[in-house]
Amino acid sequence: MTSQRSNGTSPRRVFSRLRRKDGIALPLTIFAVAIVTLMLSTVMVRVRTDLGLAVSSSDVTEGLVIAQNGLRAYMASTADRPDDGDSIRINVQGGYAMLVAHLVQRPTDTLDNWRFVIRSTGYVIKPDEGSDPRAIRTVAQFADWQHGAIYTSAALTAINGIDYTSGTDIIVNGNDNCSAEGVAGLRAPSGSDSPDSTYGSPAARIQDSWSEVANETRVNWAAIVGGEFEADHTTPVFDTTYSSYYLEGNVYLENVSGTGLLIVTGELDTEGYYFGWDGVVLVGGKFDPDADSTQITGMLISGLNKTLGTAVGKNDFTESADRLFMSYGSCDIDETLEEARGFIPMENTWMDNWATN
């Protein structure tokens, strides 16, 4: 008969050992479940965090867009020069912007440009989430207030003077085409000729140095050609609206009519059958009306490059082909300068995350 203890282990001990092994499985299972639960919780938290960061980043970006849109709207819509500390709320898509304009430089000459820093704070509003802003972003821009004012002393102001031969078809009239008080027909420095058909109050003022004549115009030519004036167009695409045009160098305009402010940094030569302009014409060099019919209603100033130290010859009205009818028009001047008034942003002066305090 074989003994049950031949291997040295009793049945009770075998059962007991197996029972101890079975007792380890439950803690291991619980531990594994806890690890998996912790990992899933971590993943869920990370997903919620990433989603929150994405939403927050999107809101901040939207705040920047709102601040920028408010800034553009304010600079484009301000019809009169604002007071220091002027503030306004502008509603835009996605929220609203709070604008504040601070005066940082006030020139001695009231006709010179005033410098402002304009702060725009964009508030992101989600109507379905309440009235509290989801994000706030502040930007700022330095800008000059362009006054749009020119002192008018004559229908034609020739800083560079005029050479004139009797018999050419040149008519300069300082009597107002808009039924207001007239001005001189011609203003020019000593040594200038005056066309025979010149009218106004007086017909012509030919006296003083060219620099004194230039100072009377109050035109800051250095600032204009230095980039401080922002025109509507820089190519000769003319229409019937009062717009501003900035044309560089010597310009030859053939069969052209337009309205507003025409700036030519070099010489202006009209050619073809006609040239017609209602508004203000500023010419850096000489003015030569060679078109069969050159008609300007408003005012014209030539020879402005002399204020930059550049030599400019006199306007040459000596050829039989020269034909000009220059008539002063205060209403055309006023309409032109009204369009030229407003904020001009300074280059490289836009700032993000501007302090609001």
Foldseek 3Di string as FASTA:
>chain_A
DDDCCPVPDHPVVVVVVVVVVVVVVVVVVVVVVVVVVVVVVVVVVVVVVVVVVVVLVVLAVVFVVQQVVQVVVVQVPDLDDDDAFDWDWADDPQFIKIKTKHFDDQDPDNQDWTKIKMKIKGFGDDVVVDGHGSDIWMKIFIWTWNALDWQDAEQEEELQAEDADAPAAAAFEQCAPAPDAGHARYEYEAPHDDYPHAPTPHSYDYYDHSVVSLVNGVDPVCCVVVPNADFPEADPPADEAAGAYAHEDEDEAEPDEHAAEYEYLAEYEYAYAEYYYQEEYEECAEYFDQHQEYEYEAHYYYNVVVVVVDDHHHHYHYDNSGHYHGHHHPVSHVSRSSNRGGIDTDPPGMGIRDDPD
